[in-house]
Amino acid sequence: MPVMTVLVDQAMWEWRGARWAHLVSDTSYDELHAFAQQIGKRRLGFQGDHYDVESVDRERALDLGAEPVDARELLARLRGAGLRRRDHKPAWERIATAAVGRSLVVPQAANLPNAIKAVIGELGELDQLAQSAVFVDATRAVVLFDWHGDPVDAAELGVDQVWASETRVDGERSLELFVDR
C-alpha cells in the first residue's frame, strides 16, 4: 500500500461562517491536485502550494487517507519537501458570471481567446443547467461550471486543461476549462 503524503491540518481558521484547514502534499503538486479533485475541490481553489478545505472536506480527505497533522508539522513538511511557495497564489479575476438558467455573457473588452468563446458556445446546454463564470489571470482564462448532474465529456473541446471534479458534499460537481491566453 503506497504511503499517503497528502496532509491536512486542523480546521481552525474561521472564514465566511465556516472553519477551514489546509490540504498539502509533501511529495508533489500533481499528487495534491489529484487528491483535491477526488474530494471535489475546484482547481481554481489552488492557493499556490495548498488548498483551503472546509471541515466537511477535511473529513472527506481523512476518509480517503490524508494524514492529519498539526499546522506546524504541515508547514515543516511542506518546506522540507521544497514545496512551500509564498506569493504564488494565482490572481484570478472574475469577469463574468451567470446563475442557473442564465447564459454566460462575457464583456467584449475581456479579449478572451477564441477557444474560450467556442467552449462557451459549445456548452450552451450546460450553461443553462449550471452556475457558470469566467475567470482570467495574466496567462490563462477559465470557464467554470458548477452543477448537479452527470459528468460532461470535455476532452475534445480544444482547451489546454480540463478539470472535472468528483461530486462535492453539497452534491455539485465542477467543470473547469482552462485556455492559455
N, C-alpha and C. Protein backbone atom coordinates (compact mmCIF):
# COMPACT_ATOMS: atom_id res chain seq x y z
N MET A 1 0.85 -1.18 0.00
CA MET A 1 0.00 0.00 0.00
C MET A 1 0.90 1.24 0.00
N PRO A 2 0.65 2.19 -0.95
CA PRO A 2 1.50 3.38 -1.00
C PRO A 2 1.31 4.25 0.23
N VAL A 3 2.38 4.94 0.62
CA VAL A 3 2.31 5.83 1.76
C VAL A 3 1.60 7.11 1.32
N MET A 4 0.62 7.54 2.10
CA MET A 4 -0.11 8.76 1.79
C MET A 4 0.74 9.96 2.19
N THR A 5 0.94 10.85 1.26
CA THR A 5 1.72 12.04 1.56
C THR A 5 0.88 13.30 1.45
N VAL A 6 -0.43 13.14 1.42
CA VAL A 6 -1.31 14.30 1.47
C VAL A 6 -1.62 14.55 2.94
N LEU A 7 -1.42 15.78 3.35
CA LEU A 7 -1.56 16.16 4.74
C LEU A 7 -2.69 17.17 4.90
N VAL A 8 -3.35 17.13 6.05
CA VAL A 8 -4.38 18.12 6.34
C VAL A 8 -4.26 18.50 7.81
N ASP A 9 -4.30 19.82 8.06
CA ASP A 9 -4.21 20.26 9.45
C ASP A 9 -5.61 20.43 10.03
N GLN A 10 -5.69 20.98 11.22
CA GLN A 10 -6.98 21.14 11.89
C GLN A 10 -7.79 22.24 11.22
N ALA A 11 -9.10 22.07 11.22
CA ALA A 11 -9.99 23.09 10.68
C ALA A 11 -10.24 24.12 11.78
N MET A 12 -9.34 25.09 11.87
CA MET A 12 -9.43 26.05 12.97
C MET A 12 -9.48 27.50 12.53
N TRP A 13 -9.36 27.76 11.23
CA TRP A 13 -9.38 29.13 10.73
C TRP A 13 -10.81 29.46 10.29
N GLU A 14 -11.39 30.49 10.88
CA GLU A 14 -12.75 30.88 10.54
C GLU A 14 -12.78 31.84 9.37
N TRP A 15 -13.71 31.57 8.45
CA TRP A 15 -13.92 32.46 7.31
C TRP A 15 -15.29 32.16 6.73
N ARG A 16 -16.06 33.18 6.50
CA ARG A 16 -17.41 33.06 5.93
C ARG A 16 -18.28 32.05 6.66
N GLY A 17 -18.22 32.10 7.97
CA GLY A 17 -19.08 31.26 8.79
C GLY A 17 -18.71 29.80 8.86
N ALA A 18 -17.54 29.43 8.38
CA ALA A 18 -17.09 28.03 8.41
C ALA A 18 -15.69 27.96 8.99
N ARG A 19 -15.28 26.77 9.34
CA ARG A 19 -13.91 26.53 9.80
C ARG A 19 -13.15 25.85 8.67
N TRP A 20 -11.91 26.30 8.47
CA TRP A 20 -11.11 25.87 7.34
C TRP A 20 -9.79 25.26 7.78
N ALA A 21 -9.28 24.35 6.96
CA ALA A 21 -7.99 23.70 7.16
C ALA A 21 -7.19 23.85 5.87
N HIS A 22 -5.95 23.36 5.89
CA HIS A 22 -5.09 23.39 4.70
C HIS A 22 -4.81 21.96 4.26
N LEU A 23 -4.85 21.73 2.97
CA LEU A 23 -4.56 20.44 2.36
C LEU A 23 -3.30 20.60 1.51
N VAL A 24 -2.26 19.80 1.79
CA VAL A 24 -0.99 19.90 1.06
C VAL A 24 -0.48 18.49 0.75
N SER A 25 0.53 18.43 -0.09
CA SER A 25 1.28 17.20 -0.33
C SER A 25 2.73 17.49 -0.01
N ASP A 26 3.40 16.51 0.59
CA ASP A 26 4.84 16.69 0.80
C ASP A 26 5.63 15.89 -0.23
N THR A 27 4.95 15.53 -1.33
CA THR A 27 5.60 14.82 -2.44
C THR A 27 5.57 15.64 -3.72
N SER A 28 4.36 16.07 -4.14
CA SER A 28 4.26 16.81 -5.41
C SER A 28 2.94 17.55 -5.51
N TYR A 29 2.93 18.57 -6.34
CA TYR A 29 1.67 19.28 -6.62
C TYR A 29 0.72 18.40 -7.41
N ASP A 30 1.26 17.54 -8.29
CA ASP A 30 0.40 16.64 -9.06
C ASP A 30 -0.40 15.74 -8.13
N GLU A 31 0.26 15.20 -7.10
CA GLU A 31 -0.44 14.36 -6.13
C GLU A 31 -1.52 15.18 -5.41
N LEU A 32 -1.18 16.39 -5.02
CA LEU A 32 -2.13 17.24 -4.33
C LEU A 32 -3.34 17.54 -5.20
N HIS A 33 -3.10 17.90 -6.47
CA HIS A 33 -4.22 18.20 -7.37
C HIS A 33 -5.12 16.98 -7.57
N ALA A 34 -4.53 15.82 -7.76
CA ALA A 34 -5.33 14.61 -7.96
C ALA A 34 -6.19 14.32 -6.73
N PHE A 35 -5.62 14.50 -5.56
CA PHE A 35 -6.37 14.25 -4.32
C PHE A 35 -7.48 15.29 -4.15
N ALA A 36 -7.16 16.55 -4.40
CA ALA A 36 -8.16 17.62 -4.28
C ALA A 36 -9.33 17.38 -5.22
N GLN A 37 -9.04 16.88 -6.40
CA GLN A 37 -10.07 16.57 -7.38
C GLN A 37 -11.00 15.49 -6.84
N GLN A 38 -10.45 14.51 -6.15
CA GLN A 38 -11.25 13.43 -5.57
C GLN A 38 -12.24 13.92 -4.52
N ILE A 39 -11.88 14.97 -3.80
CA ILE A 39 -12.80 15.45 -2.77
C ILE A 39 -13.68 16.60 -3.29
N GLY A 40 -13.59 16.87 -4.60
CA GLY A 40 -14.49 17.84 -5.22
C GLY A 40 -14.02 19.28 -5.20
N LYS A 41 -12.74 19.50 -4.94
CA LYS A 41 -12.24 20.87 -4.92
C LYS A 41 -12.11 21.41 -6.34
N ARG A 42 -12.31 22.69 -6.49
CA ARG A 42 -12.08 23.36 -7.76
C ARG A 42 -10.58 23.58 -7.94
N ARG A 43 -10.10 23.46 -9.17
CA ARG A 43 -8.70 23.75 -9.47
C ARG A 43 -8.41 25.23 -9.23
N LEU A 44 -9.41 26.06 -9.46
CA LEU A 44 -9.27 27.48 -9.20
C LEU A 44 -8.97 27.77 -7.73
N GLY A 45 -9.27 26.81 -6.85
CA GLY A 45 -9.05 26.99 -5.43
C GLY A 45 -7.62 26.76 -4.97
N PHE A 46 -6.74 26.36 -5.87
CA PHE A 46 -5.35 26.11 -5.50
C PHE A 46 -4.70 27.43 -5.09
N GLN A 47 -4.08 27.44 -3.94
CA GLN A 47 -3.54 28.66 -3.35
C GLN A 47 -2.03 28.79 -3.53
N GLY A 48 -1.47 28.16 -4.54
CA GLY A 48 -0.04 28.27 -4.82
C GLY A 48 0.78 27.12 -4.26
N ASP A 49 0.39 26.63 -3.08
CA ASP A 49 1.05 25.45 -2.51
C ASP A 49 0.10 24.61 -1.66
N HIS A 50 -1.18 25.02 -1.60
CA HIS A 50 -2.17 24.28 -0.80
C HIS A 50 -3.58 24.58 -1.29
N TYR A 51 -4.52 23.80 -0.81
CA TYR A 51 -5.94 24.08 -0.97
C TYR A 51 -6.49 24.38 0.41
N ASP A 52 -7.38 25.35 0.51
CA ASP A 52 -8.14 25.56 1.73
C ASP A 52 -9.33 24.63 1.66
N VAL A 53 -9.59 23.92 2.76
CA VAL A 53 -10.71 22.97 2.78
C VAL A 53 -11.57 23.22 4.01
N GLU A 54 -12.89 23.24 3.80
CA GLU A 54 -13.82 23.35 4.92
C GLU A 54 -13.75 22.08 5.75
N SER A 55 -14.28 22.14 6.96
CA SER A 55 -14.21 20.99 7.86
C SER A 55 -14.85 19.75 7.25
N VAL A 56 -15.93 19.90 6.49
CA VAL A 56 -16.58 18.74 5.86
C VAL A 56 -15.66 18.12 4.80
N ASP A 57 -14.93 18.97 4.06
CA ASP A 57 -13.96 18.47 3.07
C ASP A 57 -12.77 17.83 3.78
N ARG A 58 -12.40 18.35 4.93
CA ARG A 58 -11.31 17.78 5.71
C ARG A 58 -11.67 16.35 6.13
N GLU A 59 -12.90 16.17 6.58
CA GLU A 59 -13.35 14.82 6.99
C GLU A 59 -13.31 13.86 5.79
N ARG A 60 -13.74 14.34 4.64
CA ARG A 60 -13.70 13.50 3.44
C ARG A 60 -12.26 13.16 3.07
N ALA A 61 -11.36 14.14 3.21
CA ALA A 61 -9.94 13.90 2.92
C ALA A 61 -9.38 12.84 3.87
N LEU A 62 -9.73 12.93 5.14
CA LEU A 62 -9.27 11.93 6.10
C LEU A 62 -9.80 10.55 5.76
N ASP A 63 -11.08 10.48 5.35
CA ASP A 63 -11.67 9.19 4.94
C ASP A 63 -10.94 8.58 3.76
N LEU A 64 -10.39 9.43 2.89
CA LEU A 64 -9.67 8.95 1.70
C LEU A 64 -8.18 8.73 1.96
N GLY A 65 -7.75 8.94 3.21
CA GLY A 65 -6.38 8.60 3.57
C GLY A 65 -5.42 9.74 3.81
N ALA A 66 -5.89 10.98 3.81
CA ALA A 66 -5.00 12.09 4.14
C ALA A 66 -4.53 11.92 5.59
N GLU A 67 -3.31 12.36 5.83
CA GLU A 67 -2.72 12.24 7.16
C GLU A 67 -3.03 13.49 7.98
N PRO A 68 -3.68 13.35 9.14
CA PRO A 68 -3.93 14.53 9.97
C PRO A 68 -2.65 14.95 10.69
N VAL A 69 -2.31 16.21 10.61
CA VAL A 69 -1.13 16.75 11.28
C VAL A 69 -1.50 18.12 11.84
N ASP A 70 -0.69 18.60 12.78
CA ASP A 70 -0.95 19.97 13.25
C ASP A 70 -0.33 20.94 12.25
N ALA A 71 -0.68 22.20 12.39
CA ALA A 71 -0.27 23.22 11.42
C ALA A 71 1.26 23.36 11.34
N ARG A 72 1.93 23.22 12.46
CA ARG A 72 3.40 23.35 12.44
C ARG A 72 4.05 22.22 11.66
N GLU A 73 3.56 21.00 11.88
CA GLU A 73 4.13 19.86 11.13
C GLU A 73 3.82 19.99 9.65
N LEU A 74 2.61 20.40 9.33
CA LEU A 74 2.23 20.58 7.92
C LEU A 74 3.20 21.54 7.24
N LEU A 75 3.44 22.68 7.86
CA LEU A 75 4.34 23.67 7.27
C LEU A 75 5.78 23.16 7.21
N ALA A 76 6.23 22.47 8.25
CA ALA A 76 7.60 21.94 8.26
C ALA A 76 7.79 20.91 7.14
N ARG A 77 6.81 20.04 6.94
CA ARG A 77 6.93 19.02 5.90
C ARG A 77 6.82 19.63 4.51
N LEU A 78 5.99 20.66 4.36
CA LEU A 78 5.88 21.35 3.08
C LEU A 78 7.21 22.03 2.74
N ARG A 79 7.80 22.69 3.71
CA ARG A 79 9.11 23.33 3.49
C ARG A 79 10.19 22.30 3.24
N GLY A 80 10.19 21.22 4.04
CA GLY A 80 11.19 20.17 3.90
C GLY A 80 11.17 19.52 2.52
N ALA A 81 10.00 19.46 1.91
CA ALA A 81 9.87 18.87 0.57
C ALA A 81 10.19 19.88 -0.53
N GLY A 82 10.45 21.13 -0.15
CA GLY A 82 10.72 22.16 -1.14
C GLY A 82 9.49 22.62 -1.88
N LEU A 83 8.31 22.39 -1.31
CA LEU A 83 7.05 22.72 -1.98
C LEU A 83 6.36 23.95 -1.40
N ARG A 84 6.98 24.61 -0.45
CA ARG A 84 6.40 25.83 0.11
C ARG A 84 6.64 26.96 -0.87
N ARG A 85 5.55 27.59 -1.32
CA ARG A 85 5.67 28.69 -2.27
C ARG A 85 4.84 29.87 -1.75
N ARG A 86 5.52 30.84 -1.23
CA ARG A 86 4.83 32.06 -0.81
C ARG A 86 4.70 32.96 -2.04
N ASP A 87 3.67 33.74 -2.06
CA ASP A 87 3.46 34.71 -3.14
C ASP A 87 3.26 34.06 -4.51
N HIS A 88 2.78 32.83 -4.54
CA HIS A 88 2.47 32.17 -5.81
C HIS A 88 0.97 31.94 -5.98
N LYS A 89 0.18 32.58 -5.15
CA LYS A 89 -1.27 32.43 -5.25
C LYS A 89 -1.74 33.08 -6.55
N PRO A 90 -2.48 32.33 -7.37
CA PRO A 90 -2.98 32.92 -8.61
C PRO A 90 -3.88 34.12 -8.33
N ALA A 91 -3.83 35.09 -9.22
CA ALA A 91 -4.64 36.30 -9.08
C ALA A 91 -5.81 36.25 -10.05
N TRP A 92 -6.75 35.36 -9.79
CA TRP A 92 -7.90 35.21 -10.68
C TRP A 92 -8.83 36.41 -10.54
N GLU A 93 -9.30 36.89 -11.67
CA GLU A 93 -10.31 37.95 -11.70
C GLU A 93 -11.56 37.39 -12.38
N ARG A 94 -12.68 37.47 -11.69
CA ARG A 94 -13.93 37.00 -12.31
C ARG A 94 -14.45 38.12 -13.20
N ILE A 95 -14.66 37.79 -14.49
CA ILE A 95 -15.10 38.82 -15.44
C ILE A 95 -16.54 38.60 -15.91
N ALA A 96 -17.11 37.43 -15.60
CA ALA A 96 -18.49 37.18 -15.97
C ALA A 96 -19.04 36.07 -15.08
N THR A 97 -20.33 36.13 -14.81
CA THR A 97 -20.98 35.10 -14.02
C THR A 97 -22.44 34.97 -14.46
N ALA A 98 -22.99 33.80 -14.30
CA ALA A 98 -24.40 33.57 -14.65
C ALA A 98 -24.99 32.53 -13.73
N ALA A 99 -26.19 32.79 -13.25
CA ALA A 99 -26.90 31.84 -12.40
C ALA A 99 -27.48 30.72 -13.26
N VAL A 100 -27.94 29.66 -12.63
CA VAL A 100 -28.60 28.57 -13.34
C VAL A 100 -29.75 29.15 -14.15
N GLY A 101 -29.87 28.71 -15.41
CA GLY A 101 -30.93 29.19 -16.29
C GLY A 101 -30.58 30.44 -17.06
N ARG A 102 -29.43 31.02 -16.78
CA ARG A 102 -28.98 32.22 -17.47
C ARG A 102 -27.78 31.90 -18.34
N SER A 103 -27.65 32.57 -19.45
CA SER A 103 -26.49 32.39 -20.33
C SER A 103 -25.34 33.27 -19.87
N LEU A 104 -24.16 32.75 -20.03
CA LEU A 104 -22.95 33.46 -19.68
C LEU A 104 -22.67 34.51 -20.74
N VAL A 105 -22.56 35.76 -20.35
CA VAL A 105 -22.27 36.86 -21.27
C VAL A 105 -20.94 37.47 -20.83
N VAL A 106 -19.97 37.40 -21.73
CA VAL A 106 -18.62 37.89 -21.44
C VAL A 106 -18.45 39.25 -22.10
N PRO A 107 -17.97 40.23 -21.36
CA PRO A 107 -17.76 41.56 -21.94
C PRO A 107 -16.77 41.53 -23.11
N GLN A 108 -17.04 42.29 -24.15
CA GLN A 108 -16.15 42.36 -25.31
C GLN A 108 -14.74 42.77 -24.91
N ALA A 109 -14.64 43.67 -23.95
CA ALA A 109 -13.34 44.19 -23.53
C ALA A 109 -12.46 43.12 -22.89
N ALA A 110 -13.03 41.96 -22.57
CA ALA A 110 -12.26 40.90 -21.92
C ALA A 110 -11.19 40.32 -22.83
N ASN A 111 -11.38 40.43 -24.15
CA ASN A 111 -10.38 39.96 -25.11
C ASN A 111 -9.97 38.51 -24.83
N LEU A 112 -10.98 37.63 -24.76
CA LEU A 112 -10.73 36.22 -24.46
C LEU A 112 -10.23 35.47 -25.69
N PRO A 113 -9.46 34.41 -25.47
CA PRO A 113 -9.04 33.57 -26.59
C PRO A 113 -10.27 32.97 -27.29
N ASN A 114 -10.15 32.75 -28.59
CA ASN A 114 -11.25 32.18 -29.35
C ASN A 114 -11.67 30.81 -28.81
N ALA A 115 -10.72 30.05 -28.26
CA ALA A 115 -11.05 28.73 -27.72
C ALA A 115 -12.04 28.84 -26.57
N ILE A 116 -11.91 29.85 -25.73
CA ILE A 116 -12.85 30.03 -24.62
C ILE A 116 -14.22 30.41 -25.16
N LYS A 117 -14.25 31.31 -26.14
CA LYS A 117 -15.53 31.70 -26.75
C LYS A 117 -16.22 30.49 -27.36
N ALA A 118 -15.45 29.64 -28.02
CA ALA A 118 -16.01 28.43 -28.63
C ALA A 118 -16.55 27.48 -27.58
N VAL A 119 -15.83 27.32 -26.47
CA VAL A 119 -16.28 26.45 -25.39
C VAL A 119 -17.61 26.93 -24.84
N ILE A 120 -17.73 28.22 -24.61
CA ILE A 120 -18.98 28.76 -24.09
C ILE A 120 -20.12 28.46 -25.06
N GLY A 121 -19.86 28.61 -26.36
CA GLY A 121 -20.89 28.30 -27.36
C GLY A 121 -21.24 26.83 -27.42
N GLU A 122 -20.23 25.95 -27.39
CA GLU A 122 -20.46 24.51 -27.49
C GLU A 122 -21.17 23.93 -26.28
N LEU A 123 -20.94 24.52 -25.12
CA LEU A 123 -21.55 24.01 -23.90
C LEU A 123 -22.78 24.82 -23.50
N GLY A 124 -23.44 25.36 -24.47
CA GLY A 124 -24.62 26.18 -24.22
C GLY A 124 -25.67 25.50 -23.36
N GLU A 125 -25.91 24.20 -23.58
CA GLU A 125 -26.90 23.48 -22.78
C GLU A 125 -26.47 23.41 -21.33
N LEU A 126 -25.19 23.11 -21.09
CA LEU A 126 -24.68 23.07 -19.73
C LEU A 126 -24.75 24.46 -19.10
N ASP A 127 -24.52 25.48 -19.90
CA ASP A 127 -24.59 26.85 -19.43
C ASP A 127 -25.96 27.13 -18.80
N GLN A 128 -27.02 26.57 -19.36
CA GLN A 128 -28.36 26.80 -18.83
C GLN A 128 -28.63 25.99 -17.56
N LEU A 129 -27.94 24.86 -17.40
CA LEU A 129 -28.15 23.97 -16.25
C LEU A 129 -27.25 24.29 -15.07
N ALA A 130 -26.25 25.11 -15.31
CA ALA A 130 -25.20 25.31 -14.31
C ALA A 130 -25.07 26.76 -13.89
N GLN A 131 -24.50 26.92 -12.73
CA GLN A 131 -23.98 28.22 -12.34
C GLN A 131 -22.64 28.31 -13.06
N SER A 132 -22.36 29.42 -13.72
CA SER A 132 -21.15 29.48 -14.52
C SER A 132 -20.44 30.82 -14.31
N ALA A 133 -19.16 30.80 -14.65
CA ALA A 133 -18.36 32.02 -14.51
C ALA A 133 -17.14 31.91 -15.42
N VAL A 134 -16.57 33.06 -15.73
CA VAL A 134 -15.30 33.12 -16.47
C VAL A 134 -14.32 33.90 -15.59
N PHE A 135 -13.13 33.32 -15.45
CA PHE A 135 -12.05 33.93 -14.68
C PHE A 135 -10.85 34.09 -15.59
N VAL A 136 -10.04 35.11 -15.34
CA VAL A 136 -8.80 35.30 -16.07
C VAL A 136 -7.69 35.68 -15.09
N ASP A 137 -6.48 35.31 -15.45
CA ASP A 137 -5.30 35.85 -14.77
C ASP A 137 -4.35 36.29 -15.86
N ALA A 138 -3.12 36.55 -15.56
CA ALA A 138 -2.18 37.09 -16.54
C ALA A 138 -1.92 36.14 -17.69
N THR A 139 -2.04 34.84 -17.47
CA THR A 139 -1.64 33.89 -18.51
C THR A 139 -2.75 32.96 -18.99
N ARG A 140 -3.86 32.85 -18.24
CA ARG A 140 -4.89 31.88 -18.62
C ARG A 140 -6.29 32.46 -18.45
N ALA A 141 -7.21 31.81 -19.11
CA ALA A 141 -8.64 32.08 -18.92
C ALA A 141 -9.29 30.75 -18.61
N VAL A 142 -10.34 30.78 -17.80
CA VAL A 142 -11.02 29.54 -17.43
C VAL A 142 -12.53 29.79 -17.39
N VAL A 143 -13.26 28.80 -17.92
CA VAL A 143 -14.71 28.81 -17.79
C VAL A 143 -15.05 27.77 -16.73
N LEU A 144 -15.84 28.17 -15.75
CA LEU A 144 -16.22 27.30 -14.64
C LEU A 144 -17.71 27.02 -14.71
N PHE A 145 -18.07 25.74 -14.57
CA PHE A 145 -19.47 25.34 -14.46
C PHE A 145 -19.61 24.54 -13.17
N ASP A 146 -20.58 24.89 -12.34
CA ASP A 146 -20.94 24.12 -11.15
C ASP A 146 -22.39 23.68 -11.33
N TRP A 147 -22.64 22.37 -11.27
CA TRP A 147 -23.99 21.89 -11.49
C TRP A 147 -24.24 20.59 -10.74
N HIS A 148 -25.51 20.25 -10.62
CA HIS A 148 -25.94 18.97 -10.06
C HIS A 148 -26.32 18.11 -11.25
N GLY A 149 -25.46 17.22 -11.66
CA GLY A 149 -25.78 16.42 -12.82
C GLY A 149 -24.69 15.47 -13.19
N ASP A 150 -24.85 14.88 -14.36
CA ASP A 150 -23.92 13.87 -14.85
C ASP A 150 -22.62 14.52 -15.31
N PRO A 151 -21.54 13.74 -15.31
CA PRO A 151 -20.27 14.26 -15.81
C PRO A 151 -20.39 14.67 -17.28
N VAL A 152 -19.56 15.58 -17.69
CA VAL A 152 -19.54 16.07 -19.06
C VAL A 152 -18.22 15.67 -19.69
N ASP A 153 -18.27 15.16 -20.92
CA ASP A 153 -17.03 14.82 -21.64
C ASP A 153 -16.54 16.09 -22.34
N ALA A 154 -15.49 16.65 -21.80
CA ALA A 154 -14.96 17.90 -22.35
C ALA A 154 -13.61 17.69 -23.02
N ALA A 155 -13.25 16.45 -23.25
CA ALA A 155 -11.92 16.13 -23.76
C ALA A 155 -11.64 16.70 -25.15
N GLU A 156 -12.66 16.90 -25.97
CA GLU A 156 -12.42 17.33 -27.35
C GLU A 156 -12.87 18.77 -27.60
N LEU A 157 -12.74 19.61 -26.59
CA LEU A 157 -13.19 20.99 -26.73
C LEU A 157 -12.10 21.95 -27.16
N GLY A 158 -10.88 21.48 -27.33
CA GLY A 158 -9.80 22.35 -27.77
C GLY A 158 -9.30 23.28 -26.69
N VAL A 159 -9.34 22.83 -25.45
CA VAL A 159 -8.81 23.63 -24.35
C VAL A 159 -7.49 23.03 -23.90
N ASP A 160 -6.73 23.78 -23.10
CA ASP A 160 -5.42 23.33 -22.66
C ASP A 160 -5.48 22.41 -21.45
N GLN A 161 -6.48 22.59 -20.60
CA GLN A 161 -6.62 21.74 -19.42
C GLN A 161 -8.09 21.61 -19.08
N VAL A 162 -8.51 20.38 -18.76
CA VAL A 162 -9.87 20.11 -18.31
C VAL A 162 -9.78 19.62 -16.87
N TRP A 163 -10.54 20.23 -15.99
CA TRP A 163 -10.59 19.82 -14.59
C TRP A 163 -12.04 19.48 -14.29
N ALA A 164 -12.32 18.21 -14.11
CA ALA A 164 -13.66 17.76 -13.76
C ALA A 164 -13.58 17.11 -12.39
N SER A 165 -14.17 17.76 -11.40
CA SER A 165 -14.06 17.26 -10.03
C SER A 165 -15.07 16.15 -9.79
N GLU A 166 -14.79 15.38 -8.77
CA GLU A 166 -15.79 14.44 -8.26
C GLU A 166 -16.89 15.26 -7.60
N THR A 167 -18.01 14.62 -7.32
CA THR A 167 -19.11 15.32 -6.68
C THR A 167 -18.72 15.77 -5.28
N ARG A 168 -19.03 17.02 -4.96
CA ARG A 168 -18.75 17.57 -3.64
C ARG A 168 -19.81 17.11 -2.65
N VAL A 169 -19.58 17.42 -1.40
CA VAL A 169 -20.52 17.08 -0.34
C VAL A 169 -21.88 17.72 -0.59
N ASP A 170 -21.90 18.91 -1.18
CA ASP A 170 -23.17 19.60 -1.44
C ASP A 170 -23.89 19.06 -2.68
N GLY A 171 -23.32 18.04 -3.32
CA GLY A 171 -23.96 17.43 -4.48
C GLY A 171 -23.55 18.03 -5.81
N GLU A 172 -22.83 19.13 -5.78
CA GLU A 172 -22.38 19.75 -7.03
C GLU A 172 -21.07 19.16 -7.49
N ARG A 173 -20.82 19.28 -8.76
CA ARG A 173 -19.52 18.96 -9.33
C ARG A 173 -19.08 20.15 -10.15
N SER A 174 -17.79 20.30 -10.32
CA SER A 174 -17.25 21.42 -11.08
C SER A 174 -16.60 20.93 -12.36
N LEU A 175 -16.75 21.71 -13.40
CA LEU A 175 -16.03 21.51 -14.64
C LEU A 175 -15.34 22.83 -14.93
N GLU A 176 -14.00 22.79 -15.03
CA GLU A 176 -13.22 23.97 -15.31
C GLU A 176 -12.43 23.74 -16.59
N LEU A 177 -12.53 24.66 -17.52
CA LEU A 177 -11.88 24.54 -18.81
C LEU A 177 -10.88 25.68 -18.96
N PHE A 178 -9.60 25.35 -18.97
CA PHE A 178 -8.52 26.34 -19.00
C PHE A 178 -7.95 26.50 -20.40
N VAL A 179 -7.67 27.74 -20.78
CA VAL A 179 -7.04 28.04 -22.05
C VAL A 179 -5.95 29.08 -21.80
N ASP A 180 -4.78 28.84 -22.38
CA ASP A 180 -3.70 29.81 -22.27
C ASP A 180 -4.07 31.04 -23.08
N ARG A 181 -3.75 32.21 -22.56
CA ARG A 181 -4.08 33.47 -23.24
C ARG A 181 -3.00 33.90 -24.20
